Structures are given as C-alpha cells and as structure tokens.
Amino acid sequence: MTDTDARARLTVLRDRALAVYRAHDLPVKAGFYRKGPRARRWTRLADHLDAEARWDLIRAHPADSGWRYLDRDRLGEQHAKAEVRDASRILQACARLEQTLETADGDVEALIGLALSLPAD
C-alpha cells in the first residue's frame, strides 16, 4: 500500500477483507442478510426494507428458531476460520473509520491516516 490517503487505505483494506469473504463463500455486497436454520447461504434482504420492516422479520421467528440476521460486515464474526473473523473485524473497523472521516476535521483525518500507515508487525 503506497497511497498515504486514509480513504484510499481503507478501500484497500476493505477490498482485501472482502476477498477473504469471497474465498469462503460469504456475501460481499453491502447490506443486511438472513440465514434460516437449514440454509447453507446467507440471503440478502431487500434494500427497500427500513429498520422497522427488518425488525418485523426478526420478530417473526422466535429467538431459538435458528434464524440469524446480520449486516454483511458481521457475517464472519463467528466463522470457524480465524482469517474470516479477522476480515469481519476489519470490515467493521473500516466502516467506523469511514463514518468518522465523513465529519472529521483535518487533524482527525491526518491521525487516522497516520495510524493506517503504521506497519502491522
């Protein structure tokens, strides 16, 4: 990663994390997903569903029925493979940092860029 811009670095990190998702057959398109108790794959919920409609879907199935509902970035949290759990953590961190950058002043943006430029090991 040679670009020092915080947003560009976040894009690279997100793309790498999504490549891990793709390699483990997890969805890569942003959005909310559900998975039934016998389903093998996550199903994306329609974009036009607002938060109330999503909650109605969740409430339609008892908590112990085996249905799961998650945002794409959290799908890998409980995965058996550590690299998928790490990818989920990276996706969530990227989302939070991007949200912060939306309203950040130059100092905060510079600090995020500096932190992202530090070596990982």
N, C-alpha and C. Protein backbone atom coordinates (compact mmCIF):
# COMPACT_ATOMS: atom_id res chain seq x y z
N MET A 1 0.84 -1.16 0.00
CA MET A 1 0.00 0.00 0.00
C MET A 1 0.89 1.24 0.00
N THR A 2 0.94 1.92 -1.10
CA THR A 2 1.81 3.09 -1.19
C THR A 2 1.04 4.39 -1.02
N ASP A 3 -0.26 4.39 -1.22
CA ASP A 3 -1.06 5.60 -1.07
C ASP A 3 -1.17 5.94 0.42
N THR A 4 -0.95 7.20 0.77
CA THR A 4 -0.99 7.61 2.18
C THR A 4 -2.35 8.18 2.57
N ASP A 5 -3.25 8.37 1.63
CA ASP A 5 -4.58 8.90 1.91
C ASP A 5 -5.38 7.89 2.73
N ALA A 6 -5.98 8.35 3.83
CA ALA A 6 -6.72 7.46 4.72
C ALA A 6 -7.85 6.74 3.99
N ARG A 7 -8.59 7.44 3.18
CA ARG A 7 -9.72 6.83 2.46
C ARG A 7 -9.24 5.75 1.48
N ALA A 8 -8.14 6.03 0.80
CA ALA A 8 -7.59 5.04 -0.13
C ALA A 8 -7.12 3.80 0.61
N ARG A 9 -6.49 3.99 1.75
CA ARG A 9 -6.03 2.85 2.55
C ARG A 9 -7.21 2.02 3.06
N LEU A 10 -8.27 2.69 3.48
CA LEU A 10 -9.46 1.96 3.93
C LEU A 10 -10.08 1.16 2.80
N THR A 11 -10.07 1.72 1.60
CA THR A 11 -10.60 0.99 0.44
C THR A 11 -9.79 -0.28 0.19
N VAL A 12 -8.48 -0.18 0.28
CA VAL A 12 -7.62 -1.35 0.08
C VAL A 12 -7.88 -2.40 1.16
N LEU A 13 -7.96 -1.96 2.40
CA LEU A 13 -8.23 -2.90 3.50
C LEU A 13 -9.57 -3.59 3.32
N ARG A 14 -10.61 -2.82 2.96
CA ARG A 14 -11.93 -3.41 2.75
C ARG A 14 -11.90 -4.42 1.59
N ASP A 15 -11.24 -4.06 0.51
CA ASP A 15 -11.17 -4.97 -0.64
C ASP A 15 -10.49 -6.29 -0.27
N ARG A 16 -9.43 -6.20 0.53
CA ARG A 16 -8.74 -7.42 0.96
C ARG A 16 -9.62 -8.27 1.87
N ALA A 17 -10.34 -7.63 2.78
CA ALA A 17 -11.25 -8.36 3.67
C ALA A 17 -12.38 -9.01 2.87
N LEU A 18 -12.90 -8.30 1.88
CA LEU A 18 -13.97 -8.87 1.05
C LEU A 18 -13.46 -10.03 0.21
N ALA A 19 -12.19 -9.99 -0.18
CA ALA A 19 -11.61 -11.12 -0.92
C ALA A 19 -11.61 -12.37 -0.03
N VAL A 20 -11.36 -12.20 1.26
CA VAL A 20 -11.42 -13.33 2.19
C VAL A 20 -12.85 -13.84 2.29
N TYR A 21 -13.81 -12.93 2.40
CA TYR A 21 -15.23 -13.33 2.43
C TYR A 21 -15.56 -14.14 1.17
N ARG A 22 -15.18 -13.60 0.02
CA ARG A 22 -15.48 -14.27 -1.25
C ARG A 22 -14.86 -15.67 -1.30
N ALA A 23 -13.64 -15.80 -0.82
CA ALA A 23 -12.94 -17.09 -0.83
C ALA A 23 -13.62 -18.11 0.08
N HIS A 24 -14.38 -17.63 1.06
CA HIS A 24 -15.07 -18.53 1.99
C HIS A 24 -16.57 -18.54 1.76
N ASP A 25 -16.98 -18.13 0.57
CA ASP A 25 -18.36 -18.19 0.12
C ASP A 25 -19.32 -17.37 0.98
N LEU A 26 -18.85 -16.23 1.45
CA LEU A 26 -19.72 -15.29 2.16
C LEU A 26 -20.05 -14.14 1.23
N PRO A 27 -21.20 -13.52 1.40
CA PRO A 27 -21.59 -12.41 0.53
C PRO A 27 -20.64 -11.22 0.66
N VAL A 28 -20.48 -10.50 -0.44
CA VAL A 28 -19.60 -9.34 -0.43
C VAL A 28 -20.36 -8.03 -0.66
N LYS A 29 -21.60 -8.12 -1.08
CA LYS A 29 -22.40 -6.92 -1.32
C LYS A 29 -22.88 -6.37 0.03
N ALA A 30 -22.73 -5.07 0.23
CA ALA A 30 -23.15 -4.44 1.49
C ALA A 30 -24.66 -4.61 1.67
N GLY A 31 -25.07 -4.73 2.92
CA GLY A 31 -26.49 -4.84 3.22
C GLY A 31 -26.74 -5.77 4.39
N PHE A 32 -28.02 -6.03 4.64
CA PHE A 32 -28.43 -6.92 5.71
C PHE A 32 -28.81 -8.27 5.14
N TYR A 33 -28.47 -9.32 5.87
CA TYR A 33 -28.67 -10.69 5.41
C TYR A 33 -29.38 -11.51 6.48
N ARG A 34 -30.01 -12.59 6.01
CA ARG A 34 -30.60 -13.55 6.94
C ARG A 34 -30.24 -14.96 6.48
N LYS A 35 -30.29 -15.86 7.46
CA LYS A 35 -29.97 -17.25 7.17
C LYS A 35 -30.89 -18.11 8.02
N GLY A 36 -31.62 -19.01 7.35
CA GLY A 36 -32.52 -19.91 8.06
C GLY A 36 -31.77 -21.05 8.71
N PRO A 37 -32.45 -21.79 9.57
CA PRO A 37 -31.77 -22.86 10.31
C PRO A 37 -31.18 -23.96 9.44
N ARG A 38 -31.73 -24.20 8.26
CA ARG A 38 -31.19 -25.25 7.38
C ARG A 38 -30.51 -24.70 6.14
N ALA A 39 -30.42 -23.38 6.05
CA ALA A 39 -29.84 -22.75 4.87
C ALA A 39 -28.32 -22.88 4.89
N ARG A 40 -27.76 -22.99 3.71
CA ARG A 40 -26.29 -23.05 3.58
C ARG A 40 -25.71 -21.68 3.32
N ARG A 41 -26.51 -20.79 2.75
CA ARG A 41 -26.03 -19.46 2.36
C ARG A 41 -26.88 -18.37 2.99
N TRP A 42 -26.27 -17.22 3.11
CA TRP A 42 -26.97 -16.04 3.58
C TRP A 42 -27.77 -15.44 2.43
N THR A 43 -28.96 -14.93 2.72
CA THR A 43 -29.81 -14.28 1.73
C THR A 43 -29.90 -12.80 2.06
N ARG A 44 -29.65 -11.99 1.05
CA ARG A 44 -29.68 -10.54 1.26
C ARG A 44 -31.11 -10.05 1.35
N LEU A 45 -31.38 -9.19 2.34
CA LEU A 45 -32.70 -8.58 2.46
C LEU A 45 -32.79 -7.41 1.49
N ALA A 46 -33.98 -7.16 1.04
CA ALA A 46 -34.19 -6.09 0.06
C ALA A 46 -33.77 -4.74 0.62
N ASP A 47 -33.19 -3.91 -0.23
CA ASP A 47 -32.72 -2.58 0.17
C ASP A 47 -33.85 -1.67 0.63
N HIS A 48 -35.05 -1.91 0.11
CA HIS A 48 -36.14 -1.00 0.44
C HIS A 48 -36.73 -1.25 1.83
N LEU A 49 -36.30 -2.31 2.51
CA LEU A 49 -36.80 -2.56 3.85
C LEU A 49 -36.17 -1.58 4.84
N ASP A 50 -37.01 -0.88 5.56
CA ASP A 50 -36.49 0.02 6.58
C ASP A 50 -36.22 -0.78 7.86
N ALA A 51 -35.70 -0.11 8.86
CA ALA A 51 -35.34 -0.79 10.11
C ALA A 51 -36.54 -1.48 10.74
N GLU A 52 -37.70 -0.84 10.70
CA GLU A 52 -38.90 -1.44 11.30
C GLU A 52 -39.30 -2.73 10.58
N ALA A 53 -39.23 -2.73 9.26
CA ALA A 53 -39.56 -3.94 8.49
C ALA A 53 -38.58 -5.06 8.78
N ARG A 54 -37.29 -4.72 8.95
CA ARG A 54 -36.30 -5.74 9.30
C ARG A 54 -36.59 -6.32 10.67
N TRP A 55 -36.95 -5.44 11.63
CA TRP A 55 -37.28 -5.93 12.97
C TRP A 55 -38.53 -6.82 12.93
N ASP A 56 -39.49 -6.51 12.08
CA ASP A 56 -40.67 -7.36 11.94
C ASP A 56 -40.27 -8.76 11.48
N LEU A 57 -39.33 -8.84 10.54
CA LEU A 57 -38.83 -10.14 10.08
C LEU A 57 -38.16 -10.90 11.22
N ILE A 58 -37.35 -10.20 11.99
CA ILE A 58 -36.64 -10.83 13.10
C ILE A 58 -37.63 -11.35 14.13
N ARG A 59 -38.63 -10.53 14.46
CA ARG A 59 -39.63 -10.93 15.46
C ARG A 59 -40.53 -12.06 14.97
N ALA A 60 -40.61 -12.26 13.67
CA ALA A 60 -41.46 -13.32 13.12
C ALA A 60 -40.93 -14.71 13.44
N HIS A 61 -39.66 -14.80 13.84
CA HIS A 61 -39.05 -16.08 14.20
C HIS A 61 -38.57 -16.02 15.64
N PRO A 62 -38.99 -16.96 16.47
CA PRO A 62 -38.53 -16.96 17.87
C PRO A 62 -37.00 -17.01 17.94
N ALA A 63 -36.46 -16.48 19.01
CA ALA A 63 -35.01 -16.38 19.17
C ALA A 63 -34.31 -17.73 19.05
N ASP A 64 -34.95 -18.79 19.47
CA ASP A 64 -34.32 -20.12 19.45
C ASP A 64 -34.65 -20.92 18.19
N SER A 65 -35.21 -20.27 17.17
CA SER A 65 -35.62 -20.98 15.96
C SER A 65 -34.48 -21.24 14.98
N GLY A 66 -33.32 -20.65 15.22
CA GLY A 66 -32.17 -20.88 14.35
C GLY A 66 -31.99 -19.85 13.25
N TRP A 67 -32.91 -18.90 13.14
CA TRP A 67 -32.76 -17.84 12.15
C TRP A 67 -31.74 -16.83 12.65
N ARG A 68 -30.91 -16.32 11.71
CA ARG A 68 -29.91 -15.31 12.05
C ARG A 68 -30.03 -14.14 11.08
N TYR A 69 -29.83 -12.95 11.62
CA TYR A 69 -29.90 -11.71 10.84
C TYR A 69 -28.68 -10.87 11.17
N LEU A 70 -27.91 -10.51 10.15
CA LEU A 70 -26.70 -9.72 10.38
C LEU A 70 -26.40 -8.80 9.21
N ASP A 71 -25.68 -7.75 9.50
CA ASP A 71 -25.11 -6.89 8.48
C ASP A 71 -23.94 -7.64 7.83
N ARG A 72 -23.68 -7.37 6.57
CA ARG A 72 -22.61 -8.06 5.85
C ARG A 72 -21.29 -8.05 6.62
N ASP A 73 -20.95 -6.93 7.21
CA ASP A 73 -19.66 -6.82 7.87
C ASP A 73 -19.53 -7.75 9.08
N ARG A 74 -20.64 -8.19 9.63
CA ARG A 74 -20.62 -9.05 10.81
C ARG A 74 -20.79 -10.53 10.48
N LEU A 75 -21.01 -10.88 9.24
CA LEU A 75 -21.28 -12.28 8.87
C LEU A 75 -20.15 -13.22 9.26
N GLY A 76 -18.93 -12.76 9.26
CA GLY A 76 -17.80 -13.62 9.57
C GLY A 76 -17.39 -13.67 11.03
N GLU A 77 -18.10 -12.97 11.90
CA GLU A 77 -17.72 -12.88 13.32
C GLU A 77 -17.56 -14.24 14.01
N GLN A 78 -18.43 -15.17 13.72
CA GLN A 78 -18.43 -16.45 14.40
C GLN A 78 -17.89 -17.58 13.53
N HIS A 79 -17.26 -17.25 12.43
CA HIS A 79 -16.76 -18.25 11.48
C HIS A 79 -15.68 -19.11 12.13
N ALA A 80 -15.57 -20.34 11.68
CA ALA A 80 -14.57 -21.27 12.22
C ALA A 80 -13.14 -20.84 11.89
N LYS A 81 -12.95 -20.16 10.79
CA LYS A 81 -11.60 -19.75 10.36
C LYS A 81 -11.24 -18.37 10.90
N ALA A 82 -10.06 -18.28 11.48
CA ALA A 82 -9.59 -17.01 12.06
C ALA A 82 -9.48 -15.91 11.01
N GLU A 83 -9.08 -16.24 9.80
CA GLU A 83 -8.92 -15.21 8.77
C GLU A 83 -10.26 -14.58 8.41
N VAL A 84 -11.35 -15.34 8.51
CA VAL A 84 -12.67 -14.79 8.23
C VAL A 84 -13.12 -13.91 9.39
N ARG A 85 -12.84 -14.34 10.61
CA ARG A 85 -13.15 -13.50 11.78
C ARG A 85 -12.38 -12.19 11.71
N ASP A 86 -11.11 -12.26 11.29
CA ASP A 86 -10.29 -11.06 11.14
C ASP A 86 -10.87 -10.15 10.04
N ALA A 87 -11.30 -10.74 8.94
CA ALA A 87 -11.89 -9.96 7.85
C ALA A 87 -13.13 -9.23 8.33
N SER A 88 -13.95 -9.89 9.12
CA SER A 88 -15.15 -9.26 9.68
C SER A 88 -14.77 -8.08 10.57
N ARG A 89 -13.77 -8.27 11.40
CA ARG A 89 -13.30 -7.20 12.29
C ARG A 89 -12.78 -6.02 11.47
N ILE A 90 -12.06 -6.30 10.39
CA ILE A 90 -11.53 -5.24 9.53
C ILE A 90 -12.66 -4.49 8.84
N LEU A 91 -13.66 -5.22 8.33
CA LEU A 91 -14.79 -4.57 7.67
C LEU A 91 -15.53 -3.64 8.63
N GLN A 92 -15.73 -4.10 9.86
CA GLN A 92 -16.42 -3.27 10.84
C GLN A 92 -15.60 -2.04 11.20
N ALA A 93 -14.29 -2.22 11.35
CA ALA A 93 -13.41 -1.09 11.67
C ALA A 93 -13.38 -0.08 10.52
N CYS A 94 -13.31 -0.58 9.30
CA CYS A 94 -13.30 0.32 8.14
C CYS A 94 -14.59 1.15 8.10
N ALA A 95 -15.71 0.50 8.36
CA ALA A 95 -16.99 1.22 8.35
C ALA A 95 -17.01 2.32 9.41
N ARG A 96 -16.52 2.03 10.60
CA ARG A 96 -16.49 3.03 11.67
C ARG A 96 -15.54 4.18 11.32
N LEU A 97 -14.38 3.84 10.78
CA LEU A 97 -13.42 4.88 10.42
C LEU A 97 -13.95 5.75 9.28
N GLU A 98 -14.58 5.14 8.30
CA GLU A 98 -15.15 5.92 7.19
C GLU A 98 -16.25 6.85 7.69
N GLN A 99 -17.04 6.36 8.63
CA GLN A 99 -18.09 7.19 9.22
C GLN A 99 -17.46 8.38 9.95
N THR A 100 -16.39 8.13 10.66
CA THR A 100 -15.69 9.20 11.37
C THR A 100 -15.10 10.20 10.38
N LEU A 101 -14.56 9.71 9.28
CA LEU A 101 -13.96 10.60 8.27
C LEU A 101 -15.00 11.51 7.61
N GLU A 102 -16.26 11.07 7.60
CA GLU A 102 -17.33 11.88 7.00
C GLU A 102 -17.41 13.26 7.64
N THR A 103 -17.18 13.32 8.95
CA THR A 103 -17.33 14.58 9.68
C THR A 103 -16.03 15.05 10.32
N ALA A 104 -14.94 14.36 10.02
CA ALA A 104 -13.67 14.67 10.68
C ALA A 104 -13.06 15.95 10.14
N ASP A 105 -12.35 16.65 11.03
CA ASP A 105 -11.57 17.79 10.57
C ASP A 105 -10.22 17.27 10.07
N GLY A 106 -9.40 18.15 9.59
CA GLY A 106 -8.11 17.75 9.02
C GLY A 106 -7.21 17.03 10.00
N ASP A 107 -7.24 17.43 11.27
CA ASP A 107 -6.39 16.79 12.27
C ASP A 107 -6.79 15.33 12.49
N VAL A 108 -8.08 15.08 12.62
CA VAL A 108 -8.55 13.70 12.83
C VAL A 108 -8.25 12.85 11.61
N GLU A 109 -8.49 13.40 10.44
CA GLU A 109 -8.20 12.66 9.21
C GLU A 109 -6.71 12.34 9.12
N ALA A 110 -5.86 13.29 9.49
CA ALA A 110 -4.41 13.07 9.46
C ALA A 110 -4.02 11.98 10.46
N LEU A 111 -4.64 11.98 11.64
CA LEU A 111 -4.33 10.96 12.64
C LEU A 111 -4.76 9.57 12.18
N ILE A 112 -5.93 9.48 11.55
CA ILE A 112 -6.38 8.19 11.03
C ILE A 112 -5.43 7.73 9.94
N GLY A 113 -5.03 8.65 9.05
CA GLY A 113 -4.07 8.29 8.00
C GLY A 113 -2.75 7.83 8.58
N LEU A 114 -2.29 8.50 9.63
CA LEU A 114 -1.04 8.11 10.29
C LEU A 114 -1.16 6.71 10.89
N ALA A 115 -2.25 6.47 11.59
CA ALA A 115 -2.46 5.16 12.20
C ALA A 115 -2.50 4.05 11.14
N LEU A 116 -3.14 4.32 10.03
CA LEU A 116 -3.24 3.33 8.96
C LEU A 116 -1.90 3.12 8.26
N SER A 117 -0.98 4.05 8.40
CA SER A 117 0.32 3.92 7.74
C SER A 117 1.33 3.15 8.57
N LEU A 118 1.02 2.88 9.83
CA LEU A 118 1.95 2.16 10.69
C LEU A 118 2.09 0.72 10.24
N PRO A 119 3.27 0.15 10.37
CA PRO A 119 3.43 -1.26 9.98
C PRO A 119 2.63 -2.17 10.91
N ALA A 120 2.13 -3.27 10.34
CA ALA A 120 1.28 -4.18 11.10
C ALA A 120 2.08 -5.08 12.01
N ASP A 121 3.35 -5.29 11.75
CA ASP A 121 4.11 -6.22 12.59
C ASP A 121 5.30 -5.59 13.25
